[in-house]
Amino acid sequence: MKHIKKLIIQNFQSHKYSELEFGQDLNVIVGPSDSGKTSIIRALKWVLYNEPSGDFFIREGESEVSVTIELSNNTILKRYRTKSKNGYQLITSDGIETVFEGIGTSVPQEIIDITGISKMLLDGDHSNAINLGEQLEGPFLLSEKTSTRANAIGRLVGVDIIDEALREVLR
């Protein structure tokens, strides 16, 4: 199973240039207050989920920002924003480069397919970034309504397909 091997942050909030290497399993970011830990999570969310939108996260005094992840299969994904460009650059492990620009608020499906990381749809209205946990965030699903938890667990184990089939039969 592939995982994020390296993260490179350039001109994102407090990070002029930061390079972090990750292990295969659980990674925990620790450090003193105001050292950029939350910015690391925001940078990961920007490259993986195209959130947040806008350009407020560009480091003060800079005109461009980029966040790059390298996966364990040597695929490189770069999310960038300049005054004139806003997009993704994908370089697969075999060297094929694809550029996605004018992406709006979504993440191109090709990128989701390559990373294998997307938000999980909990129910019709809610989604959750289950791969990243933020400071003070409760354990996965425990802060959700009972019905949302049931729908999410059903989706995780595939029971939602049976539920949908039953609804169709009963119509």
C-alpha atoms as a PDB file:
ATOM      1  CA  MET A   1       0.000   0.000   0.000  1.00  0.00           C
ATOM      2  CA  LYS A   2       1.408   3.386  -0.958  1.00  0.00           C
ATOM      3  CA  HIS A   3       1.811   6.199   1.525  1.00  0.00           C
ATOM      4  CA  ILE A   4       3.100   9.760   1.642  1.00  0.00           C
ATOM      5  CA  LYS A   5       6.872   9.531   1.901  1.00  0.00           C
ATOM      6  CA  LYS A   6       7.800  13.215   1.760  1.00  0.00           C
ATOM      7  CA  LEU A   7       6.120  16.611   2.070  1.00  0.00           C
ATOM      8  CA  ILE A   8       7.676  19.830   0.748  1.00  0.00           C
ATOM      9  CA  ILE A   9       6.024  23.117   1.717  1.00  0.00           C
ATOM     10  CA  GLN A  10       7.034  26.392   0.032  1.00  0.00           C
ATOM     11  CA  ASN A  11       5.644  29.814   1.028  1.00  0.00           C
ATOM     12  CA  PHE A  12       2.637  28.335   2.809  1.00  0.00           C
ATOM     13  CA  GLN A  13       1.653  30.372   5.886  1.00  0.00           C
ATOM     14  CA  SER A  14       4.636  30.318   8.277  1.00  0.00           C
ATOM     15  CA  HIS A  15       6.681  27.919   6.125  1.00  0.00           C
ATOM     16  CA  LYS A  16       9.183  29.531   3.747  1.00  0.00           C
ATOM     17  CA  TYR A  17      10.602  26.097   2.898  1.00  0.00           C
ATOM     18  CA  SER A  18      10.012  22.958   4.923  1.00  0.00           C
ATOM     19  CA  GLU A  19      10.691  19.356   4.025  1.00  0.00           C
ATOM     20  CA  LEU A  20       9.293  16.506   6.119  1.00  0.00           C
ATOM     21  CA  GLU A  21       9.667  12.758   5.733  1.00  0.00           C
ATOM     22  CA  PHE A  22       6.907  10.427   6.895  1.00  0.00           C
ATOM     23  CA  GLY A  23       6.854   6.799   7.984  1.00  0.00           C
ATOM     24  CA  GLN A  24       4.545   4.191   6.536  1.00  0.00           C
ATOM     25  CA  ASP A  25       2.079   4.007   9.405  1.00  0.00           C
ATOM     26  CA  LEU A  26       0.924   6.645  11.868  1.00  0.00           C
ATOM     27  CA  ASN A  27       2.716  10.005  11.852  1.00  0.00           C
ATOM     28  CA  VAL A  28       2.289  12.547  14.639  1.00  0.00           C
ATOM     29  CA  ILE A  29       3.387  16.168  14.298  1.00  0.00           C
ATOM     30  CA  VAL A  30       4.539  17.660  17.608  1.00  0.00           C
ATOM     31  CA  GLY A  31       6.330  20.837  18.607  1.00  0.00           C
ATOM     32  CA  PRO A  32       6.071  24.055  20.577  1.00  0.00           C
ATOM     33  CA  SER A  33       3.233  26.534  20.067  1.00  0.00           C
ATOM     34  CA  ASP A  34       3.454  28.709  16.945  1.00  0.00           C
ATOM     35  CA  SER A  35       5.995  26.443  15.248  1.00  0.00           C
ATOM     36  CA  GLY A  36       3.846  25.682  12.164  1.00  0.00           C
ATOM     37  CA  LYS A  37       2.246  22.341  13.062  1.00  0.00           C
ATOM     38  CA  THR A  38      -1.255  23.425  12.051  1.00  0.00           C
ATOM     39  CA  SER A  39       0.148  24.871   8.817  1.00  0.00           C
ATOM     40  CA  ILE A  40       1.535  21.428   7.966  1.00  0.00           C
ATOM     41  CA  ILE A  41      -1.945  19.902   8.296  1.00  0.00           C
ATOM     42  CA  ARG A  42      -3.442  22.750   6.241  1.00  0.00           C
ATOM     43  CA  ALA A  43      -0.787  22.227   3.558  1.00  0.00           C
ATOM     44  CA  LEU A  44      -1.615  18.515   3.397  1.00  0.00           C
ATOM     45  CA  LYS A  45      -5.321  19.325   3.135  1.00  0.00           C
ATOM     46  CA  TRP A  46      -4.594  21.809   0.357  1.00  0.00           C
ATOM     47  CA  VAL A  47      -2.685  19.307  -1.779  1.00  0.00           C
ATOM     48  CA  LEU A  48      -4.994  16.350  -1.039  1.00  0.00           C
ATOM     49  CA  TYR A  49      -8.449  17.959  -0.787  1.00  0.00           C
ATOM     50  CA  ASN A  50      -7.963  21.372  -2.458  1.00  0.00           C
ATOM     51  CA  GLU A  51      -8.963  23.029   0.810  1.00  0.00           C
ATOM     52  CA  PRO A  52      -8.850  25.798   1.833  1.00  0.00           C
ATOM     53  CA  SER A  53      -9.814  27.815  -1.222  1.00  0.00           C
ATOM     54  CA  GLY A  54      -8.480  31.284  -1.887  1.00  0.00           C
ATOM     55  CA  ASP A  55      -4.951  32.541  -1.425  1.00  0.00           C
ATOM     56  CA  PHE A  56      -4.859  33.784   2.173  1.00  0.00           C
ATOM     57  CA  PHE A  57      -2.366  31.040   3.061  1.00  0.00           C
ATOM     58  CA  ILE A  58       0.368  32.405   0.773  1.00  0.00           C
ATOM     59  CA  ARG A  59       3.248  33.530   2.966  1.00  0.00           C
ATOM     60  CA  GLU A  60       3.281  37.284   3.480  1.00  0.00           C
ATOM     61  CA  GLY A  61       5.488  39.022   0.919  1.00  0.00           C
ATOM     62  CA  GLU A  62       5.434  36.074  -1.523  1.00  0.00           C
ATOM     63  CA  SER A  63       3.477  35.758  -4.768  1.00  0.00           C
ATOM     64  CA  GLU A  64       3.444  31.991  -5.208  1.00  0.00           C
ATOM     65  CA  VAL A  65       2.928  28.924  -3.067  1.00  0.00           C
ATOM     66  CA  SER A  66       3.392  25.196  -3.563  1.00  0.00           C
ATOM     67  CA  VAL A  67       2.959  22.002  -1.611  1.00  0.00           C
ATOM     68  CA  THR A  68       4.491  18.800  -2.962  1.00  0.00           C
ATOM     69  CA  ILE A  69       4.026  15.240  -1.792  1.00  0.00           C
ATOM     70  CA  GLU A  70       6.075  12.275  -2.867  1.00  0.00           C
ATOM     71  CA  LEU A  71       4.407   8.893  -2.524  1.00  0.00           C
ATOM     72  CA  SER A  72       6.191   5.666  -1.641  1.00  0.00           C
ATOM     73  CA  ASN A  73       5.858   4.532  -5.278  1.00  0.00           C
ATOM     74  CA  ASN A  74       7.871   7.667  -6.308  1.00  0.00           C
ATOM     75  CA  THR A  75       4.866   9.484  -7.761  1.00  0.00           C
ATOM     76  CA  ILE A  76       5.120  13.243  -7.186  1.00  0.00           C
ATOM     77  CA  LEU A  77       2.096  15.492  -6.757  1.00  0.00           C
ATOM     78  CA  LYS A  78       2.531  19.255  -6.595  1.00  0.00           C
ATOM     79  CA  ARG A  79      -0.256  21.731  -5.793  1.00  0.00           C
ATOM     80  CA  TYR A  80       0.670  25.277  -6.766  1.00  0.00           C
ATOM     81  CA  ARG A  81      -0.742  28.761  -7.017  1.00  0.00           C
ATOM     82  CA  THR A  82       0.795  31.849  -8.618  1.00  0.00           C
ATOM     83  CA  LYS A  83      -0.739  35.148  -9.693  1.00  0.00           C
ATOM     84  CA  SER A  84      -1.679  33.612 -13.041  1.00  0.00           C
ATOM     85  CA  LYS A  85      -1.872  29.846 -12.412  1.00  0.00           C
ATOM     86  CA  ASN A  86      -3.716  27.579 -10.020  1.00  0.00           C
ATOM     87  CA  GLY A  87      -3.379  23.849 -10.395  1.00  0.00           C
ATOM     88  CA  TYR A  88      -1.731  20.500  -9.878  1.00  0.00           C
ATOM     89  CA  GLN A  89       1.302  18.892 -11.471  1.00  0.00           C
ATOM     90  CA  LEU A  90       1.415  15.100 -11.372  1.00  0.00           C
ATOM     91  CA  ILE A  91       4.539  13.126 -12.242  1.00  0.00           C
ATOM     92  CA  THR A  92       3.969   9.376 -12.158  1.00  0.00           C
ATOM     93  CA  SER A  93       6.650   6.909 -11.123  1.00  0.00           C
ATOM     94  CA  ASP A  94       7.378   6.202 -14.800  1.00  0.00           C
ATOM     95  CA  GLY A  95       8.007   9.912 -15.493  1.00  0.00           C
ATOM     96  CA  ILE A  96       4.748  10.861 -17.216  1.00  0.00           C
ATOM     97  CA  GLU A  97       3.819  14.457 -16.360  1.00  0.00           C
ATOM     98  CA  THR A  98       0.263  15.782 -16.355  1.00  0.00           C
ATOM     99  CA  VAL A  99      -0.785  19.332 -15.472  1.00  0.00           C
ATOM    100  CA  PHE A 100      -4.278  20.199 -14.253  1.00  0.00           C
ATOM    101  CA  GLU A 101      -5.207  23.895 -14.258  1.00  0.00           C
ATOM    102  CA  GLY A 102      -8.465  25.760 -13.790  1.00  0.00           C
ATOM    103  CA  ILE A 103      -9.499  23.164 -11.233  1.00  0.00           C
ATOM    104  CA  GLY A 104     -12.030  25.193  -9.252  1.00  0.00           C
ATOM    105  CA  THR A 105     -12.831  23.707  -5.853  1.00  0.00           C
ATOM    106  CA  SER A 106     -12.532  20.015  -6.685  1.00  0.00           C
ATOM    107  CA  VAL A 107      -9.612  17.618  -6.912  1.00  0.00           C
ATOM    108  CA  PRO A 108      -9.204  15.999 -10.349  1.00  0.00           C
ATOM    109  CA  GLN A 109     -10.304  12.360 -10.258  1.00  0.00           C
ATOM    110  CA  GLU A 110      -6.956  11.249 -11.741  1.00  0.00           C
ATOM    111  CA  ILE A 111      -5.218  12.655  -8.660  1.00  0.00           C
ATOM    112  CA  ILE A 112      -7.630  10.946  -6.276  1.00  0.00           C
ATOM    113  CA  ASP A 113      -7.039   7.680  -8.150  1.00  0.00           C
ATOM    114  CA  ILE A 114      -3.242   8.048  -7.918  1.00  0.00           C
ATOM    115  CA  THR A 115      -3.101   9.023  -4.227  1.00  0.00           C
ATOM    116  CA  GLY A 116      -5.946   6.794  -3.096  1.00  0.00           C
ATOM    117  CA  ILE A 117      -6.881   9.583  -0.678  1.00  0.00           C
ATOM    118  CA  SER A 118     -10.216  11.352  -0.711  1.00  0.00           C
ATOM    119  CA  LYS A 119     -12.771  12.505   1.784  1.00  0.00           C
ATOM    120  CA  MET A 120     -15.130   9.803   2.959  1.00  0.00           C
ATOM    121  CA  LEU A 121     -18.806  10.486   2.389  1.00  0.00           C
ATOM    122  CA  LEU A 122     -20.465   9.901   5.755  1.00  0.00           C
ATOM    123  CA  ASP A 123     -24.009  10.406   4.514  1.00  0.00           C
ATOM    124  CA  GLY A 124     -25.703  12.512   1.858  1.00  0.00           C
ATOM    125  CA  ASP A 125     -24.532  15.814   3.349  1.00  0.00           C
ATOM    126  CA  HIS A 126     -21.351  15.182   5.333  1.00  0.00           C
ATOM    127  CA  SER A 127     -17.851  14.094   4.408  1.00  0.00           C
ATOM    128  CA  ASN A 128     -14.759  13.599   6.532  1.00  0.00           C
ATOM    129  CA  ALA A 129     -11.024  13.649   5.888  1.00  0.00           C
ATOM    130  CA  ILE A 130     -10.337  10.385   7.698  1.00  0.00           C
ATOM    131  CA  ASN A 131      -6.634  10.383   6.767  1.00  0.00           C
ATOM    132  CA  LEU A 132      -5.847  13.559   8.731  1.00  0.00           C
ATOM    133  CA  GLY A 133      -6.733  14.504  12.267  1.00  0.00           C
ATOM    134  CA  GLU A 134      -6.475  18.038  13.569  1.00  0.00           C
ATOM    135  CA  GLN A 135      -5.644  19.363  16.992  1.00  0.00           C
ATOM    136  CA  LEU A 136      -8.565  19.073  19.436  1.00  0.00           C
ATOM    137  CA  GLU A 137     -10.551  17.022  16.916  1.00  0.00           C
ATOM    138  CA  GLY A 138     -12.504  14.240  18.573  1.00  0.00           C
ATOM    139  CA  PRO A 139     -12.081  10.580  17.665  1.00  0.00           C
ATOM    140  CA  PHE A 140     -13.414   9.618  14.234  1.00  0.00           C
ATOM    141  CA  LEU A 141     -17.241   9.668  14.089  1.00  0.00           C
ATOM    142  CA  LEU A 142     -17.827  10.123  17.829  1.00  0.00           C
ATOM    143  CA  SER A 143     -18.859  13.753  17.403  1.00  0.00           C
ATOM    144  CA  GLU A 144     -21.341  12.859  14.648  1.00  0.00           C
ATOM    145  CA  LYS A 145     -25.073  12.185  15.026  1.00  0.00           C
ATOM    146  CA  THR A 146     -26.084   8.565  15.559  1.00  0.00           C
ATOM    147  CA  SER A 147     -27.652   8.337  12.086  1.00  0.00           C
ATOM    148  CA  THR A 148     -24.492   9.755  10.472  1.00  0.00           C
ATOM    149  CA  ARG A 149     -22.333   7.229  12.352  1.00  0.00           C
ATOM    150  CA  ALA A 150     -24.588   4.371  11.217  1.00  0.00           C
ATOM    151  CA  ASN A 151     -24.462   5.534   7.582  1.00  0.00           C
ATOM    152  CA  ALA A 152     -20.678   5.946   7.699  1.00  0.00           C
ATOM    153  CA  ILE A 153     -20.079   2.504   9.173  1.00  0.00           C
ATOM    154  CA  GLY A 154     -22.469   1.043   6.620  1.00  0.00           C
ATOM    155  CA  ARG A 155     -20.471   2.667   3.818  1.00  0.00           C
ATOM    156  CA  LEU A 156     -17.180   1.429   5.292  1.00  0.00           C
ATOM    157  CA  VAL A 157     -18.313  -2.198   5.351  1.00  0.00           C
ATOM    158  CA  GLY A 158     -20.394  -2.065   2.165  1.00  0.00           C
ATOM    159  CA  VAL A 159     -23.832  -2.501   3.746  1.00  0.00           C
ATOM    160  CA  ASP A 160     -25.014   0.712   2.075  1.00  0.00           C
ATOM    161  CA  ILE A 161     -25.354  -1.259  -1.175  1.00  0.00           C
ATOM    162  CA  ILE A 162     -27.814  -3.627   0.501  1.00  0.00           C
ATOM    163  CA  ASP A 163     -29.700  -0.692   2.057  1.00  0.00           C
ATOM    164  CA  GLU A 164     -30.019   0.970  -1.349  1.00  0.00           C
ATOM    165  CA  ALA A 165     -31.209  -2.281  -2.952  1.00  0.00           C
ATOM    166  CA  LEU A 166     -33.844  -2.700  -0.236  1.00  0.00           C
ATOM    167  CA  ARG A 167     -35.093   0.849  -0.787  1.00  0.00           C
ATOM    168  CA  GLU A 168     -35.392   0.169  -4.517  1.00  0.00           C
ATOM    169  CA  VAL A 169     -37.296  -3.086  -3.959  1.00  0.00           C
ATOM    170  CA  LEU A 170     -39.722  -1.453  -1.526  1.00  0.00           C
ATOM    171  CA  ARG A 171     -40.636   1.332  -3.994  1.00  0.00           C
END
